Amino acid sequence: MLVAAAACPCPPLLVPEVAAGAAPELDAARAACTDALGVLAAARPDLLVVVGPDAGTCDYPAGTPGSFRRFGVGLDVRLGDGDGAGDGVAGGELPYGLAVGAWLLGRTGWAGAPVEGRGVGESLAPDACVAEGRRLAGRAGRVALLVMGDGSACRTLKAPGYLDERAEPFDAEIARALGTADTAALRALDAGLARELKVSGRAPWQVLAGAAEGAAGLSGALLHEDAPYGVGYMVATWS
């Protein structure tokens, strides 16, 4: 059963070595992510699953390596403790969102529970995402999720997806839903519109909505919301 969740953004720029001289611009987001992981640790889960966007949908066992070398930084990470051995690992390396999640866990010294990863295909239909969440929630008696994903990438003229007037209200609804643990609103996110707005977190957030079904008494808190570089970043906790 799901006992806690944290939603964090997953831009590689969250890693100071990648951001380089621009690193201070995301200090507030990093601090909020640290607070969010503290909520997960306080829930004392039996298992932590890091969920993030991926090209396909597959498992990443404990110890799976990740790297930021594709971003010009010789920084390697691992997803928890383990040898990374298992079936279904795409290319044997974490996708960028899960790599950022592994970096956050390493940065905060996570030792609260075993860690596994689940990459979610960005094209996975909402109903399939919800079913995936239900499955993950049943993996242990007390399950916590670290859900990695960004909002729209169309908030300004200089954003990766240029300016789209639909982006800000779409992000506002995501922030409201994450901040209030509104599973119905997350399930209802429009996958087509999310794709047009270059939202990487749509599928992971709908997995979270599915995982929360049957978890009584969950309340949400929005810890951070901003759109630097024209991309929506939200940090929230459910506990």
Protein backbone atom coordinates (compact mmCIF):
# COMPACT_ATOMS: atom_id res chain seq x y z
CA MET A 1 0.00 0.00 0.00
CA LEU A 2 1.18 3.52 -0.74
CA VAL A 3 2.13 5.34 2.47
CA ALA A 4 3.94 8.38 1.05
CA ALA A 5 5.01 9.98 -2.20
CA ALA A 6 7.18 12.83 -3.37
CA ALA A 7 6.90 14.49 -6.76
CA CYS A 8 10.09 16.18 -7.95
CA PRO A 9 11.22 17.75 -11.24
CA CYS A 10 13.83 15.88 -13.23
CA PRO A 11 15.85 18.31 -15.34
CA PRO A 12 19.54 17.36 -15.44
CA LEU A 13 20.15 21.03 -14.55
CA LEU A 14 19.02 20.11 -11.03
CA VAL A 15 22.48 18.57 -10.66
CA PRO A 16 24.87 21.46 -9.89
CA GLU A 17 27.72 19.94 -11.90
CA VAL A 18 25.49 19.96 -14.98
CA ALA A 19 24.13 23.45 -14.36
CA ALA A 20 27.65 24.81 -13.69
CA GLY A 21 27.48 28.61 -13.39
CA ALA A 22 23.67 28.59 -13.42
CA ALA A 23 23.44 26.18 -10.46
CA PRO A 24 22.22 28.80 -7.91
CA GLU A 25 19.11 29.40 -10.03
CA LEU A 26 17.69 26.04 -8.91
CA ASP A 27 18.79 26.17 -5.26
CA ALA A 28 15.18 26.60 -4.08
CA ALA A 29 14.05 23.57 -6.10
CA ARG A 30 16.91 21.46 -4.70
CA ALA A 31 16.05 22.47 -1.14
CA ALA A 32 12.39 21.57 -1.70
CA CYS A 33 13.39 18.17 -3.09
CA THR A 34 15.50 17.53 0.01
CA ASP A 35 12.50 18.34 2.20
CA ALA A 36 10.31 16.05 0.09
CA LEU A 37 12.68 13.12 0.52
CA GLY A 38 12.59 13.75 4.24
CA VAL A 39 8.84 13.13 4.15
CA LEU A 40 9.44 9.80 2.40
CA ALA A 41 12.01 8.75 4.99
CA ALA A 42 9.67 9.71 7.84
CA ALA A 43 7.01 7.35 6.43
CA ARG A 44 9.37 4.40 7.06
CA PRO A 45 8.49 2.49 3.88
CA ASP A 46 9.43 -1.11 3.20
CA LEU A 47 10.20 -0.22 -0.43
CA LEU A 48 10.89 2.98 -2.36
CA VAL A 49 10.15 2.97 -6.08
CA VAL A 50 11.52 5.80 -8.21
CA VAL A 51 9.17 6.39 -11.14
CA GLY A 52 10.14 8.56 -14.11
CA PRO A 53 9.71 9.17 -17.83
CA ASP A 54 11.32 6.71 -20.20
CA ALA A 55 11.25 5.64 -23.83
CA GLY A 56 9.49 2.43 -22.80
CA THR A 57 8.12 0.89 -19.62
CA CYS A 58 10.52 -1.34 -17.69
CA ASP A 59 12.15 -2.08 -14.35
CA TYR A 60 15.49 -0.80 -13.10
CA PRO A 61 16.73 -2.98 -10.21
CA ALA A 62 18.63 -1.66 -7.22
CA GLY A 63 22.15 -0.70 -8.18
CA THR A 64 21.39 0.16 -11.81
CA PRO A 65 23.94 2.77 -12.91
CA GLY A 66 23.23 6.15 -14.42
CA SER A 67 25.41 8.87 -15.83
CA PHE A 68 25.37 12.55 -16.76
CA ARG A 69 28.16 12.14 -19.28
CA ARG A 70 25.74 12.82 -22.13
CA PHE A 71 25.44 16.32 -20.65
CA GLY A 72 29.18 16.82 -20.65
CA VAL A 73 29.75 15.97 -16.98
CA GLY A 74 31.76 12.98 -15.76
CA LEU A 75 29.33 12.18 -12.96
CA ASP A 76 27.99 8.68 -12.35
CA VAL A 77 25.21 7.56 -9.98
CA ARG A 78 23.58 4.35 -8.84
CA LEU A 79 19.98 3.67 -7.91
CA GLY A 80 20.28 2.51 -4.30
CA ASP A 81 22.35 -0.48 -3.26
CA GLY A 82 22.67 -3.55 -5.44
CA ASP A 83 24.34 -4.90 -8.54
CA GLY A 84 21.71 -3.74 -11.03
CA ALA A 85 21.19 -7.27 -12.29
CA GLY A 86 17.73 -8.12 -13.59
CA ASP A 87 15.51 -8.40 -16.62
CA GLY A 88 14.06 -5.57 -18.61
CA VAL A 89 16.73 -2.92 -18.06
CA ALA A 90 16.83 -0.73 -21.15
CA GLY A 91 20.46 -0.49 -22.22
CA GLY A 92 21.64 -1.23 -18.70
CA GLU A 93 21.58 2.46 -17.70
CA LEU A 94 19.05 4.73 -16.03
CA PRO A 95 17.12 7.18 -18.22
CA TYR A 96 17.82 10.80 -17.36
CA GLY A 97 14.79 11.26 -15.05
CA LEU A 98 15.66 8.25 -12.92
CA ALA A 99 19.31 9.30 -12.91
CA VAL A 100 18.26 12.64 -11.40
CA GLY A 101 16.19 10.70 -8.85
CA ALA A 102 19.22 8.54 -7.99
CA TRP A 103 21.31 11.69 -7.60
CA LEU A 104 18.74 13.16 -5.19
CA LEU A 105 18.75 9.98 -3.12
CA GLY A 106 22.53 9.92 -3.00
CA ARG A 107 22.69 13.60 -2.14
CA THR A 108 20.40 13.13 0.85
CA GLY A 109 22.02 9.88 1.97
CA TRP A 110 18.90 7.75 1.53
CA ALA A 111 19.02 4.66 3.73
CA GLY A 112 15.36 4.27 4.62
CA ALA A 113 14.39 1.27 2.48
CA PRO A 114 15.46 -0.75 -0.56
CA VAL A 115 15.17 1.22 -3.80
CA GLU A 116 13.92 0.12 -7.22
CA GLY A 117 13.21 2.07 -10.39
CA ARG A 118 10.37 1.97 -12.86
CA GLY A 119 10.59 3.78 -16.17
CA VAL A 120 7.22 4.71 -17.65
CA GLY A 121 6.84 5.13 -21.38
CA GLU A 122 5.83 8.69 -22.21
CA SER A 123 3.17 7.35 -24.59
CA LEU A 124 1.58 5.01 -22.02
CA ALA A 125 -2.18 5.59 -21.94
CA PRO A 126 -3.73 7.05 -18.77
CA ASP A 127 -5.62 3.86 -17.88
CA ALA A 128 -2.44 1.82 -18.26
CA CYS A 129 -0.56 4.29 -16.05
CA VAL A 130 -3.20 3.96 -13.35
CA ALA A 131 -3.01 0.16 -13.54
CA GLU A 132 0.77 0.39 -13.29
CA GLY A 133 0.41 2.47 -10.14
CA ARG A 134 -1.93 -0.07 -8.55
CA ARG A 135 0.64 -2.79 -9.26
CA LEU A 136 3.47 -0.80 -7.71
CA ALA A 137 1.43 -0.04 -4.59
CA GLY A 138 1.03 -3.78 -4.06
CA ARG A 139 4.75 -4.51 -4.18
CA ALA A 140 5.12 -4.29 -0.38
CA GLY A 141 3.16 -3.59 2.77
CA ARG A 142 4.44 0.00 2.92
CA VAL A 143 5.42 1.51 -0.43
CA ALA A 144 6.74 5.02 -1.08
CA LEU A 145 7.11 6.58 -4.51
CA LEU A 146 9.58 9.18 -5.70
CA VAL A 147 7.88 10.46 -8.84
CA MET A 148 10.09 12.36 -11.28
CA GLY A 149 8.65 14.59 -13.98
CA ASP A 150 8.45 18.13 -15.34
CA GLY A 151 5.50 20.24 -16.34
CA SER A 152 5.15 21.99 -19.66
CA ALA A 153 8.17 23.22 -21.59
CA CYS A 154 6.22 26.03 -23.28
CA ARG A 155 5.94 28.78 -20.68
CA THR A 156 8.03 31.48 -22.40
CA LEU A 157 9.30 32.52 -25.79
CA LYS A 158 12.72 31.04 -24.92
CA ALA A 159 11.31 27.76 -23.56
CA PRO A 160 12.30 24.52 -25.31
CA GLY A 161 8.82 24.31 -26.84
CA TYR A 162 8.37 28.06 -27.39
CA LEU A 163 5.43 29.95 -25.86
CA ASP A 164 2.03 28.26 -25.71
CA GLU A 165 -0.77 30.07 -23.88
CA ARG A 166 -2.21 26.72 -22.75
CA ALA A 167 0.94 25.85 -20.80
CA GLU A 168 0.52 28.03 -17.71
CA PRO A 169 -3.06 26.93 -16.88
CA PHE A 170 -2.11 23.30 -17.54
CA ASP A 171 0.79 23.57 -15.10
CA ALA A 172 -1.41 25.37 -12.57
CA GLU A 173 -3.84 22.45 -12.56
CA ILE A 174 -0.99 19.98 -12.12
CA ALA A 175 0.38 21.99 -9.19
CA ARG A 176 -3.07 22.17 -7.60
CA ALA A 177 -3.62 18.42 -8.04
CA LEU A 178 -0.20 17.51 -6.65
CA GLY A 179 -0.59 19.92 -3.76
CA THR A 180 -3.97 18.52 -2.74
CA ALA A 181 -3.43 14.82 -3.55
CA ASP A 182 -6.25 15.06 -6.10
CA THR A 183 -5.97 11.67 -7.80
CA ALA A 184 -9.04 12.24 -9.99
CA ALA A 185 -7.51 15.39 -11.48
CA LEU A 186 -4.24 13.60 -12.22
CA ARG A 187 -6.05 10.70 -13.86
CA ALA A 188 -7.94 13.21 -16.02
CA LEU A 189 -4.83 14.91 -17.44
CA ASP A 190 -5.10 15.09 -21.22
CA ALA A 191 -2.30 12.93 -22.64
CA GLY A 192 -2.52 14.56 -26.06
CA LEU A 193 -2.29 18.08 -24.70
CA ALA A 194 0.53 17.04 -22.38
CA ARG A 195 2.45 15.74 -25.36
CA GLU A 196 1.91 18.99 -27.29
CA LEU A 197 3.14 20.99 -24.28
CA LYS A 198 6.16 18.69 -23.84
CA VAL A 199 5.14 17.60 -20.33
CA SER A 200 7.44 14.79 -19.21
CA GLY A 201 5.62 14.11 -15.94
CA ARG A 202 2.15 13.22 -17.21
CA ALA A 203 2.59 9.43 -17.20
CA PRO A 204 4.52 9.26 -13.88
CA TRP A 205 1.89 11.44 -12.17
CA GLN A 206 -0.88 9.20 -13.43
CA VAL A 207 1.04 6.20 -12.07
CA LEU A 208 1.04 8.02 -8.73
CA ALA A 209 -2.73 8.50 -8.99
CA GLY A 210 -3.18 4.76 -9.50
CA ALA A 211 -0.87 3.89 -6.62
CA ALA A 212 -2.88 6.11 -4.27
CA GLU A 213 -6.16 4.29 -4.89
CA GLY A 214 -7.23 2.67 -1.66
CA ALA A 215 -4.68 4.60 0.42
CA ALA A 216 -6.94 6.34 2.93
CA GLY A 217 -6.01 9.62 4.53
CA LEU A 218 -3.32 10.84 2.12
CA SER A 219 -2.92 14.61 2.14
CA GLY A 220 -0.82 16.71 -0.19
CA ALA A 221 1.49 19.68 0.20
CA LEU A 222 2.98 21.80 -2.59
CA LEU A 223 6.52 22.71 -1.55
CA HIS A 224 7.75 24.50 -4.67
CA GLU A 225 6.46 25.79 -8.00
CA ASP A 226 8.41 27.74 -10.58
CA ALA A 227 9.10 27.88 -14.31
CA PRO A 228 12.76 28.76 -14.86
CA TYR A 229 13.86 28.43 -18.45
CA GLY A 230 10.15 28.30 -19.40
CA VAL A 231 9.67 24.79 -17.95
CA GLY A 232 7.25 24.01 -15.12
CA TYR A 233 8.90 22.54 -12.03
CA MET A 234 6.78 21.35 -9.08
CA VAL A 235 7.76 19.69 -5.80
CA ALA A 236 5.02 18.13 -3.70
CA THR A 237 4.55 15.49 -1.03
CA TRP A 238 1.74 13.10 -0.18
CA SER A 239 1.68 11.56 3.26
